[in-house]
Amino acid sequence: MEKLNELTTLKMVEEFLENNEFSFLYISRPECSTCHAILYKLRELLGHYPLIHLGHIDANKVEEVAEKFLVFTVPIMLLMIDQKEYIREDRFVRFDRLKKKLDQIYDMYTR
């Protein structure tokens, strides 16, 4: 299961993105039941991609994240490579489709 980095300030988010070439941001809220279910599956999936680092942001604690990443609903999942967005998934994630996208991008960058 992928290690989860809790990012509690916008500065921490920015440093996380700067320090990790492959960053996956998971933005959620504690009162979102969908968020809890998806996080478990996401951590399991990302365990297959050792270069991708997972950062979790509580949108209630880091309110600026909504503006910075154009977040209108939670959960939001963003794959960032060199601080650029490559994948964006929201509330209704199809994990089979997400895995295919991750496989393609990961293979392209790690060959």
N, C-alpha and C. Protein backbone atom coordinates (compact mmCIF):
# COMPACT_ATOMS: atom_id res chain seq x y z
N MET A 1 0.85 -1.19 0.00
CA MET A 1 0.00 0.00 0.00
C MET A 1 0.89 1.24 0.00
N GLU A 2 0.54 2.19 -0.80
CA GLU A 2 1.33 3.42 -0.97
C GLU A 2 1.32 4.25 0.31
N LYS A 3 2.50 4.76 0.69
CA LYS A 3 2.63 5.67 1.83
C LYS A 3 1.87 6.96 1.52
N LEU A 4 1.20 7.48 2.51
CA LEU A 4 0.40 8.69 2.36
C LEU A 4 1.08 9.85 3.07
N ASN A 5 1.39 10.91 2.32
CA ASN A 5 1.98 12.12 2.89
C ASN A 5 0.87 13.13 3.15
N GLU A 6 0.66 13.50 4.40
CA GLU A 6 -0.35 14.49 4.75
C GLU A 6 0.21 15.89 4.50
N LEU A 7 -0.45 16.64 3.65
CA LEU A 7 -0.02 17.99 3.29
C LEU A 7 -1.02 18.97 3.90
N THR A 8 -0.58 19.71 4.91
CA THR A 8 -1.52 20.52 5.70
C THR A 8 -1.45 22.01 5.42
N THR A 9 -0.56 22.42 4.52
CA THR A 9 -0.50 23.83 4.13
C THR A 9 -0.22 23.89 2.63
N LEU A 10 -0.52 25.02 2.03
CA LEU A 10 -0.24 25.18 0.61
C LEU A 10 1.26 25.13 0.35
N LYS A 11 2.05 25.65 1.29
CA LYS A 11 3.51 25.59 1.17
C LYS A 11 3.98 24.14 1.14
N MET A 12 3.40 23.28 1.98
CA MET A 12 3.76 21.86 1.98
C MET A 12 3.40 21.21 0.64
N VAL A 13 2.26 21.59 0.08
CA VAL A 13 1.85 21.05 -1.22
C VAL A 13 2.87 21.45 -2.28
N GLU A 14 3.24 22.71 -2.29
CA GLU A 14 4.21 23.21 -3.28
C GLU A 14 5.56 22.52 -3.13
N GLU A 15 6.02 22.32 -1.90
CA GLU A 15 7.29 21.63 -1.67
C GLU A 15 7.21 20.17 -2.08
N PHE A 16 6.09 19.54 -1.81
CA PHE A 16 5.87 18.14 -2.21
C PHE A 16 5.99 18.01 -3.73
N LEU A 17 5.36 18.92 -4.45
CA LEU A 17 5.42 18.89 -5.92
C LEU A 17 6.83 19.16 -6.43
N GLU A 18 7.53 20.08 -5.79
CA GLU A 18 8.91 20.41 -6.20
C GLU A 18 9.87 19.26 -5.95
N ASN A 19 9.65 18.53 -4.85
CA ASN A 19 10.58 17.48 -4.43
C ASN A 19 10.31 16.10 -5.03
N ASN A 20 9.18 15.94 -5.68
CA ASN A 20 8.82 14.64 -6.24
C ASN A 20 8.44 14.81 -7.71
N GLU A 21 9.24 14.22 -8.58
CA GLU A 21 8.97 14.32 -10.02
C GLU A 21 7.58 13.77 -10.34
N PHE A 22 7.24 12.62 -9.75
CA PHE A 22 5.93 12.00 -9.94
C PHE A 22 5.12 12.18 -8.65
N SER A 23 4.15 13.06 -8.68
CA SER A 23 3.32 13.35 -7.51
C SER A 23 1.87 13.05 -7.83
N PHE A 24 1.19 12.43 -6.89
CA PHE A 24 -0.23 12.18 -7.05
C PHE A 24 -0.92 12.86 -5.87
N LEU A 25 -1.72 13.86 -6.16
CA LEU A 25 -2.43 14.59 -5.11
C LEU A 25 -3.85 14.06 -4.97
N TYR A 26 -4.24 13.80 -3.74
CA TYR A 26 -5.60 13.35 -3.44
C TYR A 26 -6.22 14.41 -2.55
N ILE A 27 -7.23 15.09 -3.05
CA ILE A 27 -7.88 16.19 -2.32
C ILE A 27 -9.26 15.71 -1.88
N SER A 28 -9.52 15.81 -0.58
CA SER A 28 -10.78 15.32 -0.05
C SER A 28 -11.25 16.18 1.12
N ARG A 29 -12.36 15.79 1.68
CA ARG A 29 -12.90 16.40 2.91
C ARG A 29 -13.29 15.27 3.87
N PRO A 30 -13.13 15.47 5.17
CA PRO A 30 -13.42 14.40 6.13
C PRO A 30 -14.87 13.93 6.11
N GLU A 31 -15.80 14.83 5.80
CA GLU A 31 -17.22 14.45 5.83
C GLU A 31 -17.68 13.73 4.55
N CYS A 32 -16.78 13.49 3.62
CA CYS A 32 -17.10 12.86 2.34
C CYS A 32 -16.90 11.35 2.44
N SER A 33 -17.98 10.59 2.48
CA SER A 33 -17.87 9.13 2.60
C SER A 33 -17.26 8.50 1.35
N THR A 34 -17.54 9.05 0.19
CA THR A 34 -16.94 8.56 -1.06
C THR A 34 -15.43 8.71 -0.99
N CYS A 35 -14.96 9.80 -0.43
CA CYS A 35 -13.53 10.07 -0.33
C CYS A 35 -12.80 8.96 0.42
N HIS A 36 -13.39 8.49 1.51
CA HIS A 36 -12.74 7.46 2.33
C HIS A 36 -12.62 6.14 1.56
N ALA A 37 -13.67 5.77 0.87
CA ALA A 37 -13.66 4.51 0.11
C ALA A 37 -12.65 4.55 -1.03
N ILE A 38 -12.60 5.68 -1.73
CA ILE A 38 -11.70 5.80 -2.88
C ILE A 38 -10.24 5.84 -2.44
N LEU A 39 -9.95 6.47 -1.31
CA LEU A 39 -8.58 6.59 -0.86
C LEU A 39 -7.94 5.21 -0.65
N TYR A 40 -8.67 4.30 -0.07
CA TYR A 40 -8.14 2.95 0.16
C TYR A 40 -7.77 2.30 -1.17
N LYS A 41 -8.67 2.36 -2.14
CA LYS A 41 -8.41 1.76 -3.46
C LYS A 41 -7.25 2.45 -4.17
N LEU A 42 -7.18 3.76 -4.03
CA LEU A 42 -6.12 4.52 -4.67
C LEU A 42 -4.76 4.14 -4.10
N ARG A 43 -4.65 4.03 -2.80
CA ARG A 43 -3.38 3.66 -2.16
C ARG A 43 -2.94 2.27 -2.62
N GLU A 44 -3.90 1.39 -2.75
CA GLU A 44 -3.61 0.04 -3.22
C GLU A 44 -3.09 0.08 -4.67
N LEU A 45 -3.76 0.84 -5.52
CA LEU A 45 -3.36 0.96 -6.93
C LEU A 45 -1.97 1.58 -7.06
N LEU A 46 -1.72 2.65 -6.36
CA LEU A 46 -0.44 3.35 -6.49
C LEU A 46 0.73 2.55 -5.93
N GLY A 47 0.45 1.52 -5.16
CA GLY A 47 1.50 0.63 -4.68
C GLY A 47 2.24 -0.05 -5.81
N HIS A 48 1.64 -0.10 -7.00
CA HIS A 48 2.25 -0.73 -8.18
C HIS A 48 3.18 0.22 -8.94
N TYR A 49 3.25 1.47 -8.51
CA TYR A 49 4.06 2.48 -9.20
C TYR A 49 5.02 3.12 -8.18
N PRO A 50 6.16 2.51 -7.97
CA PRO A 50 7.05 2.95 -6.88
C PRO A 50 7.59 4.38 -7.00
N LEU A 51 7.60 4.95 -8.19
CA LEU A 51 8.12 6.31 -8.34
C LEU A 51 7.07 7.39 -8.06
N ILE A 52 5.80 6.99 -7.96
CA ILE A 52 4.73 7.97 -7.71
C ILE A 52 4.54 8.15 -6.21
N HIS A 53 4.61 9.39 -5.76
CA HIS A 53 4.43 9.73 -4.34
C HIS A 53 3.04 10.30 -4.15
N LEU A 54 2.34 9.81 -3.12
CA LEU A 54 0.96 10.20 -2.86
C LEU A 54 0.89 11.24 -1.74
N GLY A 55 0.26 12.36 -2.07
CA GLY A 55 0.03 13.41 -1.09
C GLY A 55 -1.45 13.62 -0.88
N HIS A 56 -1.86 13.71 0.38
CA HIS A 56 -3.27 13.91 0.72
C HIS A 56 -3.47 15.32 1.25
N ILE A 57 -4.51 15.98 0.74
CA ILE A 57 -4.84 17.33 1.17
C ILE A 57 -6.28 17.36 1.65
N ASP A 58 -6.48 17.80 2.87
CA ASP A 58 -7.83 18.01 3.41
C ASP A 58 -8.25 19.41 2.97
N ALA A 59 -9.23 19.48 2.08
CA ALA A 59 -9.66 20.76 1.53
C ALA A 59 -10.27 21.68 2.59
N ASN A 60 -10.69 21.13 3.72
CA ASN A 60 -11.18 21.98 4.81
C ASN A 60 -10.04 22.71 5.50
N LYS A 61 -8.88 22.07 5.58
CA LYS A 61 -7.72 22.67 6.25
C LYS A 61 -6.91 23.56 5.32
N VAL A 62 -6.85 23.19 4.06
CA VAL A 62 -6.05 23.94 3.08
C VAL A 62 -7.01 24.50 2.04
N GLU A 63 -7.75 25.51 2.42
CA GLU A 63 -8.81 26.05 1.56
C GLU A 63 -8.28 26.61 0.25
N GLU A 64 -7.03 27.09 0.24
CA GLU A 64 -6.44 27.69 -0.97
C GLU A 64 -6.26 26.66 -2.08
N VAL A 65 -6.29 25.39 -1.72
CA VAL A 65 -6.08 24.34 -2.72
C VAL A 65 -7.18 24.36 -3.78
N ALA A 66 -8.38 24.76 -3.40
CA ALA A 66 -9.49 24.81 -4.36
C ALA A 66 -9.19 25.79 -5.49
N GLU A 67 -8.66 26.94 -5.14
CA GLU A 67 -8.32 27.93 -6.16
C GLU A 67 -7.10 27.51 -6.98
N LYS A 68 -6.09 27.01 -6.31
CA LYS A 68 -4.84 26.65 -7.00
C LYS A 68 -5.04 25.55 -8.04
N PHE A 69 -5.89 24.56 -7.72
CA PHE A 69 -6.07 23.41 -8.60
C PHE A 69 -7.48 23.33 -9.21
N LEU A 70 -8.24 24.40 -9.11
CA LEU A 70 -9.60 24.44 -9.67
C LEU A 70 -10.44 23.26 -9.21
N VAL A 71 -10.60 23.14 -7.90
CA VAL A 71 -11.35 22.06 -7.29
C VAL A 71 -12.77 22.54 -7.00
N PHE A 72 -13.74 21.86 -7.63
CA PHE A 72 -15.14 22.22 -7.43
C PHE A 72 -15.91 21.16 -6.67
N THR A 73 -15.36 19.96 -6.58
CA THR A 73 -15.97 18.87 -5.85
C THR A 73 -14.85 17.98 -5.31
N VAL A 74 -15.17 17.14 -4.37
CA VAL A 74 -14.19 16.18 -3.86
C VAL A 74 -14.77 14.78 -3.98
N PRO A 75 -13.97 13.79 -4.06
CA PRO A 75 -12.52 13.84 -4.13
C PRO A 75 -12.03 14.23 -5.53
N ILE A 76 -10.83 14.76 -5.56
CA ILE A 76 -10.12 15.06 -6.81
C ILE A 76 -8.77 14.35 -6.73
N MET A 77 -8.38 13.74 -7.82
CA MET A 77 -7.09 13.07 -7.91
C MET A 77 -6.32 13.67 -9.07
N LEU A 78 -5.09 14.07 -8.80
CA LEU A 78 -4.25 14.72 -9.82
C LEU A 78 -2.90 14.04 -9.89
N LEU A 79 -2.54 13.55 -11.06
CA LEU A 79 -1.18 13.06 -11.28
C LEU A 79 -0.40 14.23 -11.84
N MET A 80 0.66 14.60 -11.15
CA MET A 80 1.52 15.70 -11.56
C MET A 80 2.90 15.14 -11.86
N ILE A 81 3.44 15.52 -13.02
CA ILE A 81 4.80 15.15 -13.37
C ILE A 81 5.56 16.44 -13.63
N ASP A 82 6.64 16.62 -12.88
CA ASP A 82 7.39 17.88 -12.94
C ASP A 82 6.47 19.09 -12.77
N GLN A 83 5.54 18.97 -11.84
CA GLN A 83 4.61 20.03 -11.45
C GLN A 83 3.56 20.37 -12.52
N LYS A 84 3.41 19.50 -13.52
CA LYS A 84 2.39 19.71 -14.55
C LYS A 84 1.34 18.61 -14.42
N GLU A 85 0.09 18.99 -14.59
CA GLU A 85 -1.01 18.04 -14.46
C GLU A 85 -1.11 17.15 -15.70
N TYR A 86 -1.12 15.82 -15.46
CA TYR A 86 -1.25 14.85 -16.54
C TYR A 86 -2.56 14.07 -16.47
N ILE A 87 -3.05 13.83 -15.26
CA ILE A 87 -4.31 13.11 -15.09
C ILE A 87 -5.13 13.86 -14.04
N ARG A 88 -6.43 13.98 -14.31
CA ARG A 88 -7.37 14.54 -13.35
C ARG A 88 -8.58 13.62 -13.32
N GLU A 89 -8.88 13.11 -12.16
CA GLU A 89 -10.08 12.29 -11.95
C GLU A 89 -10.85 12.90 -10.80
N ASP A 90 -12.17 12.80 -10.89
CA ASP A 90 -12.97 13.35 -9.80
C ASP A 90 -13.86 12.29 -9.19
N ARG A 91 -14.83 12.72 -8.50
CA ARG A 91 -15.74 11.94 -7.67
C ARG A 91 -16.03 10.51 -8.14
N PHE A 92 -16.34 10.33 -9.40
CA PHE A 92 -16.76 9.01 -9.90
C PHE A 92 -15.63 8.39 -10.71
N VAL A 93 -14.69 7.79 -10.02
CA VAL A 93 -13.48 7.25 -10.63
C VAL A 93 -13.73 5.83 -11.13
N ARG A 94 -13.30 5.59 -12.35
CA ARG A 94 -13.28 4.22 -12.88
C ARG A 94 -11.83 3.76 -12.77
N PHE A 95 -11.56 2.92 -11.80
CA PHE A 95 -10.19 2.53 -11.51
C PHE A 95 -9.54 1.75 -12.64
N ASP A 96 -10.32 1.00 -13.41
CA ASP A 96 -9.73 0.30 -14.55
C ASP A 96 -9.20 1.29 -15.58
N ARG A 97 -9.95 2.34 -15.83
CA ARG A 97 -9.51 3.38 -16.78
C ARG A 97 -8.33 4.18 -16.21
N LEU A 98 -8.37 4.48 -14.92
CA LEU A 98 -7.26 5.19 -14.28
C LEU A 98 -5.98 4.35 -14.36
N LYS A 99 -6.09 3.05 -14.13
CA LYS A 99 -4.91 2.18 -14.20
C LYS A 99 -4.32 2.19 -15.61
N LYS A 100 -5.14 2.14 -16.63
CA LYS A 100 -4.64 2.18 -18.01
C LYS A 100 -3.88 3.48 -18.29
N LYS A 101 -4.45 4.59 -17.83
CA LYS A 101 -3.78 5.88 -18.02
C LYS A 101 -2.43 5.91 -17.29
N LEU A 102 -2.44 5.44 -16.04
CA LEU A 102 -1.21 5.41 -15.26
C LEU A 102 -0.16 4.52 -15.92
N ASP A 103 -0.59 3.34 -16.39
CA ASP A 103 0.34 2.43 -17.06
C ASP A 103 1.01 3.10 -18.26
N GLN A 104 0.21 3.77 -19.08
CA GLN A 104 0.75 4.42 -20.28
C GLN A 104 1.76 5.50 -19.92
N ILE A 105 1.38 6.37 -19.03
CA ILE A 105 2.26 7.49 -18.66
C ILE A 105 3.50 6.98 -17.93
N TYR A 106 3.32 6.07 -17.01
CA TYR A 106 4.44 5.54 -16.22
C TYR A 106 5.44 4.84 -17.12
N ASP A 107 4.94 4.02 -18.04
CA ASP A 107 5.83 3.32 -18.97
C ASP A 107 6.60 4.30 -19.84
N MET A 108 5.92 5.33 -20.30
CA MET A 108 6.55 6.31 -21.16
C MET A 108 7.71 7.03 -20.45
N TYR A 109 7.52 7.36 -19.16
CA TYR A 109 8.52 8.11 -18.42
C TYR A 109 9.60 7.25 -17.77
N THR A 110 9.35 5.97 -17.62
CA THR A 110 10.33 5.14 -16.90
C THR A 110 11.12 4.20 -17.81
N ARG A 111 10.91 4.26 -19.11
CA ARG A 111 11.67 3.39 -20.02
C ARG A 111 13.06 3.89 -20.19
